[in-house]
Amino acid sequence: MKASVRFKLMISIGITAILFGCSTTNEWKESVSKSSPISGFSFLTSHSPNQVHIIDLQEISTRTIDEKDKKINYGYSSLRIYYGEYGSKLKKYKEFDGFDLATIDNFEVKWQDDNVVLINVYRKDEDGTRFKDETIRLDTSI
C-alpha cells in the first residue's frame, strides 16, 4: 500500500514539474517576443531657437538572448540623433555605429538657425584633459 502511495506521489510531482517547465518555457518565449530588439536611452534634448525643430540624442542598445540562462540582455551599440519638427513624434535619425560614449565628457549643442545644428563632442584623455574631438553637423529640415 505504501509503495502505491509513493508511486502516485512521484507521478504527481513529475507531472507538476513537466507542467511548470512548459509554463516557464512558454512564459520565456512570450517575454522574448514582447521585448524590443533595441532599447534607447535619451540623454540630451534641444530645440531650435524659434522652436521649429528639435533633436534628441539617444544611446541605443541591442538585445541579446541567453537561451541557456533564460535572460534578455541589452548591450551598447550606437548613438542616434533623432530629429524633426518641434512637437511631433521624432522618426528620422542619424546613427553613429561604434560611437564610444564611455569617453564622452560633454556634448555642446549650437543651433546655427532653426534648421542646422552643430553638436560639439568633448572627450577626456586618460590624464583627464578635456578636448573637442569632433563636431557633428545636422540639417533637421531634410
C-alpha atoms as a PDB file:
ATOM      1  CA  MET A   1       0.000   0.000   0.000  1.00  0.00           C
ATOM      2  CA  LYS A   2       2.803   2.433   0.866  1.00  0.00           C
ATOM      3  CA  ALA A   3       4.514   1.756  -2.481  1.00  0.00           C
ATOM      4  CA  SER A   4       1.312   2.657  -4.322  1.00  0.00           C
ATOM      5  CA  VAL A   5       1.035   5.997  -2.459  1.00  0.00           C
ATOM      6  CA  ARG A   6       4.692   6.789  -3.156  1.00  0.00           C
ATOM      7  CA  PHE A   7       4.232   5.929  -6.821  1.00  0.00           C
ATOM      8  CA  LYS A   8       1.190   8.234  -7.092  1.00  0.00           C
ATOM      9  CA  LEU A   9       3.090  10.998  -5.318  1.00  0.00           C
ATOM     10  CA  MET A  10       6.079  10.612  -7.666  1.00  0.00           C
ATOM     11  CA  ILE A  11       3.775  10.690 -10.700  1.00  0.00           C
ATOM     12  CA  SER A  12       2.052  13.842  -9.362  1.00  0.00           C
ATOM     13  CA  ILE A  13       5.384  15.551  -8.738  1.00  0.00           C
ATOM     14  CA  GLY A  14       6.620  14.552 -12.212  1.00  0.00           C
ATOM     15  CA  ILE A  15       3.501  15.886 -13.939  1.00  0.00           C
ATOM     16  CA  THR A  16       3.702  19.113 -11.922  1.00  0.00           C
ATOM     17  CA  ALA A  17       7.351  19.548 -12.876  1.00  0.00           C
ATOM     18  CA  ILE A  18       6.576  18.981 -16.559  1.00  0.00           C
ATOM     19  CA  LEU A  19       3.683  21.438 -16.475  1.00  0.00           C
ATOM     20  CA  PHE A  20       5.778  24.004 -14.596  1.00  0.00           C
ATOM     21  CA  GLY A  21       8.629  23.579 -17.075  1.00  0.00           C
ATOM     22  CA  CYS A  22       6.281  24.095 -20.014  1.00  0.00           C
ATOM     23  CA  SER A  23       4.723  27.106 -18.350  1.00  0.00           C
ATOM     24  CA  THR A  24       8.159  28.593 -17.702  1.00  0.00           C
ATOM     25  CA  THR A  25       9.215  27.928 -21.298  1.00  0.00           C
ATOM     26  CA  ASN A  26       6.010  29.492 -22.622  1.00  0.00           C
ATOM     27  CA  GLU A  27       6.459  32.496 -20.315  1.00  0.00           C
ATOM     28  CA  TRP A  28      10.078  32.823 -21.500  1.00  0.00           C
ATOM     29  CA  LYS A  29       9.074  32.709 -25.171  1.00  0.00           C
ATOM     30  CA  GLU A  30       6.357  35.289 -24.547  1.00  0.00           C
ATOM     31  CA  SER A  31       8.815  37.511 -22.672  1.00  0.00           C
ATOM     32  CA  VAL A  32      11.310  37.314 -25.556  1.00  0.00           C
ATOM     33  CA  SER A  33       8.635  38.059 -28.156  1.00  0.00           C
ATOM     34  CA  LYS A  34       7.440  41.098 -26.194  1.00  0.00           C
ATOM     35  CA  SER A  35      10.915  42.528 -25.576  1.00  0.00           C
ATOM     36  CA  SER A  36      12.132  45.126 -28.019  1.00  0.00           C
ATOM     37  CA  PRO A  37      15.135  44.214 -30.207  1.00  0.00           C
ATOM     38  CA  ILE A  38      16.546  47.663 -29.434  1.00  0.00           C
ATOM     39  CA  SER A  39      16.324  49.976 -26.472  1.00  0.00           C
ATOM     40  CA  GLY A  40      17.013  53.698 -26.431  1.00  0.00           C
ATOM     41  CA  PHE A  41      18.048  55.949 -23.580  1.00  0.00           C
ATOM     42  CA  SER A  42      17.548  59.675 -24.191  1.00  0.00           C
ATOM     43  CA  PHE A  43      20.229  61.804 -22.545  1.00  0.00           C
ATOM     44  CA  LEU A  44      20.058  65.212 -24.288  1.00  0.00           C
ATOM     45  CA  THR A  45      17.240  67.113 -25.976  1.00  0.00           C
ATOM     46  CA  SER A  46      17.469  70.547 -27.601  1.00  0.00           C
ATOM     47  CA  HIS A  47      15.114  72.658 -29.666  1.00  0.00           C
ATOM     48  CA  SER A  48      15.954  75.289 -32.281  1.00  0.00           C
ATOM     49  CA  PRO A  49      15.894  78.990 -31.308  1.00  0.00           C
ATOM     50  CA  ASN A  50      12.311  79.541 -32.508  1.00  0.00           C
ATOM     51  CA  GLN A  51      11.120  76.034 -31.581  1.00  0.00           C
ATOM     52  CA  VAL A  52      10.814  74.960 -35.210  1.00  0.00           C
ATOM     53  CA  HIS A  53      12.877  71.747 -34.883  1.00  0.00           C
ATOM     54  CA  ILE A  54      14.084  69.520 -32.071  1.00  0.00           C
ATOM     55  CA  ILE A  55      16.870  66.955 -31.603  1.00  0.00           C
ATOM     56  CA  ASP A  56      17.066  64.097 -29.130  1.00  0.00           C
ATOM     57  CA  LEU A  57      20.369  62.272 -28.524  1.00  0.00           C
ATOM     58  CA  GLN A  58      19.943  58.634 -27.508  1.00  0.00           C
ATOM     59  CA  GLU A  59      22.235  55.774 -26.600  1.00  0.00           C
ATOM     60  CA  ILE A  60      20.879  52.722 -28.431  1.00  0.00           C
ATOM     61  CA  SER A  61      21.352  49.197 -27.101  1.00  0.00           C
ATOM     62  CA  THR A  62      20.624  45.951 -28.913  1.00  0.00           C
ATOM     63  CA  ARG A  63      19.037  42.863 -27.410  1.00  0.00           C
ATOM     64  CA  THR A  64      20.917  39.621 -26.905  1.00  0.00           C
ATOM     65  CA  ILE A  65      19.108  36.493 -25.779  1.00  0.00           C
ATOM     66  CA  ASP A  66      20.752  33.997 -23.427  1.00  0.00           C
ATOM     67  CA  GLU A  67      18.725  30.819 -24.052  1.00  0.00           C
ATOM     68  CA  LYS A  68      20.666  28.783 -21.503  1.00  0.00           C
ATOM     69  CA  ASP A  69      20.098  31.090 -18.524  1.00  0.00           C
ATOM     70  CA  LYS A  70      16.783  32.433 -19.871  1.00  0.00           C
ATOM     71  CA  LYS A  71      17.927  36.063 -19.751  1.00  0.00           C
ATOM     72  CA  ILE A  72      17.472  39.036 -22.040  1.00  0.00           C
ATOM     73  CA  ASN A  73      20.434  41.419 -22.020  1.00  0.00           C
ATOM     74  CA  TYR A  74      20.982  44.758 -23.714  1.00  0.00           C
ATOM     75  CA  GLY A  75      24.434  45.928 -24.756  1.00  0.00           C
ATOM     76  CA  TYR A  76      25.645  49.282 -26.058  1.00  0.00           C
ATOM     77  CA  SER A  77      25.727  49.574 -29.821  1.00  0.00           C
ATOM     78  CA  SER A  78      25.374  53.137 -31.138  1.00  0.00           C
ATOM     79  CA  LEU A  79      24.442  56.785 -30.789  1.00  0.00           C
ATOM     80  CA  ARG A  80      21.335  58.058 -32.559  1.00  0.00           C
ATOM     81  CA  ILE A  81      20.306  61.653 -33.021  1.00  0.00           C
ATOM     82  CA  TYR A  82      16.563  61.795 -33.598  1.00  0.00           C
ATOM     83  CA  TYR A  83      15.248  64.982 -35.173  1.00  0.00           C
ATOM     84  CA  GLY A  84      12.116  66.549 -36.587  1.00  0.00           C
ATOM     85  CA  GLU A  85       9.588  69.305 -36.174  1.00  0.00           C
ATOM     86  CA  TYR A  86       9.067  70.625 -32.665  1.00  0.00           C
ATOM     87  CA  GLY A  87       6.065  68.909 -31.045  1.00  0.00           C
ATOM     88  CA  SER A  88       5.993  65.975 -33.476  1.00  0.00           C
ATOM     89  CA  LYS A  89       6.917  62.339 -32.920  1.00  0.00           C
ATOM     90  CA  LEU A  90      10.576  62.018 -33.904  1.00  0.00           C
ATOM     91  CA  LYS A  91      11.019  59.315 -36.544  1.00  0.00           C
ATOM     92  CA  LYS A  92      14.062  60.469 -38.515  1.00  0.00           C
ATOM     93  CA  TYR A  93      17.504  59.850 -37.081  1.00  0.00           C
ATOM     94  CA  LYS A  94      21.189  59.874 -37.888  1.00  0.00           C
ATOM     95  CA  GLU A  95      23.043  56.888 -36.437  1.00  0.00           C
ATOM     96  CA  PHE A  96      26.683  56.611 -35.408  1.00  0.00           C
ATOM     97  CA  ASP A  97      27.785  52.976 -35.020  1.00  0.00           C
ATOM     98  CA  GLY A  98      30.804  52.326 -32.828  1.00  0.00           C
ATOM     99  CA  PHE A  99      30.491  55.745 -31.200  1.00  0.00           C
ATOM    100  CA  ASP A 100      32.368  55.401 -27.883  1.00  0.00           C
ATOM    101  CA  LEU A 101      30.154  57.028 -25.249  1.00  0.00           C
ATOM    102  CA  ALA A 102      32.419  55.846 -22.416  1.00  0.00           C
ATOM    103  CA  THR A 103      34.993  58.603 -23.026  1.00  0.00           C
ATOM    104  CA  ILE A 104      32.461  61.409 -23.580  1.00  0.00           C
ATOM    105  CA  ASP A 105      32.824  64.346 -21.230  1.00  0.00           C
ATOM    106  CA  ASN A 106      30.085  66.520 -22.696  1.00  0.00           C
ATOM    107  CA  PHE A 107      28.018  67.455 -25.744  1.00  0.00           C
ATOM    108  CA  GLU A 108      27.581  71.109 -26.667  1.00  0.00           C
ATOM    109  CA  VAL A 109      24.638  71.962 -28.910  1.00  0.00           C
ATOM    110  CA  LYS A 110      24.741  75.142 -31.016  1.00  0.00           C
ATOM    111  CA  TRP A 111      21.935  75.942 -33.422  1.00  0.00           C
ATOM    112  CA  GLN A 112      23.084  77.974 -36.439  1.00  0.00           C
ATOM    113  CA  ASP A 113      19.444  78.689 -37.291  1.00  0.00           C
ATOM    114  CA  ASP A 114      16.129  76.832 -36.946  1.00  0.00           C
ATOM    115  CA  ASN A 115      17.300  74.044 -39.282  1.00  0.00           C
ATOM    116  CA  VAL A 116      21.030  73.447 -38.835  1.00  0.00           C
ATOM    117  CA  VAL A 117      22.554  72.321 -35.560  1.00  0.00           C
ATOM    118  CA  LEU A 118      26.205  71.772 -34.646  1.00  0.00           C
ATOM    119  CA  ILE A 119      26.943  69.276 -31.876  1.00  0.00           C
ATOM    120  CA  ASN A 120      30.426  69.519 -30.409  1.00  0.00           C
ATOM    121  CA  VAL A 121      31.653  66.276 -28.873  1.00  0.00           C
ATOM    122  CA  TYR A 122      34.062  66.693 -25.959  1.00  0.00           C
ATOM    123  CA  ARG A 123      36.069  63.784 -24.615  1.00  0.00           C
ATOM    124  CA  LYS A 124      38.571  63.246 -21.822  1.00  0.00           C
ATOM    125  CA  ASP A 125      42.057  61.840 -22.223  1.00  0.00           C
ATOM    126  CA  GLU A 126      43.391  59.224 -19.818  1.00  0.00           C
ATOM    127  CA  ASP A 127      45.084  62.054 -17.893  1.00  0.00           C
ATOM    128  CA  GLY A 128      41.736  63.877 -17.553  1.00  0.00           C
ATOM    129  CA  THR A 129      42.414  66.554 -20.166  1.00  0.00           C
ATOM    130  CA  ARG A 130      39.225  67.679 -21.897  1.00  0.00           C
ATOM    131  CA  PHE A 131      39.312  68.216 -25.666  1.00  0.00           C
ATOM    132  CA  LYS A 132      36.891  68.766 -28.548  1.00  0.00           C
ATOM    133  CA  ASP A 133      37.018  65.556 -30.537  1.00  0.00           C
ATOM    134  CA  GLU A 134      34.572  66.299 -33.343  1.00  0.00           C
ATOM    135  CA  THR A 135      31.639  68.395 -34.475  1.00  0.00           C
ATOM    136  CA  ILE A 136      28.513  66.766 -35.854  1.00  0.00           C
ATOM    137  CA  ARG A 137      26.568  68.904 -38.322  1.00  0.00           C
ATOM    138  CA  LEU A 138      22.904  68.013 -38.796  1.00  0.00           C
ATOM    139  CA  ASP A 139      20.324  69.660 -41.066  1.00  0.00           C
ATOM    140  CA  THR A 140      16.989  68.938 -39.382  1.00  0.00           C
ATOM    141  CA  SER A 141      14.944  70.205 -42.335  1.00  0.00           C
ATOM    142  CA  ILE A 142      15.907  67.235 -44.521  1.00  0.00           C
END
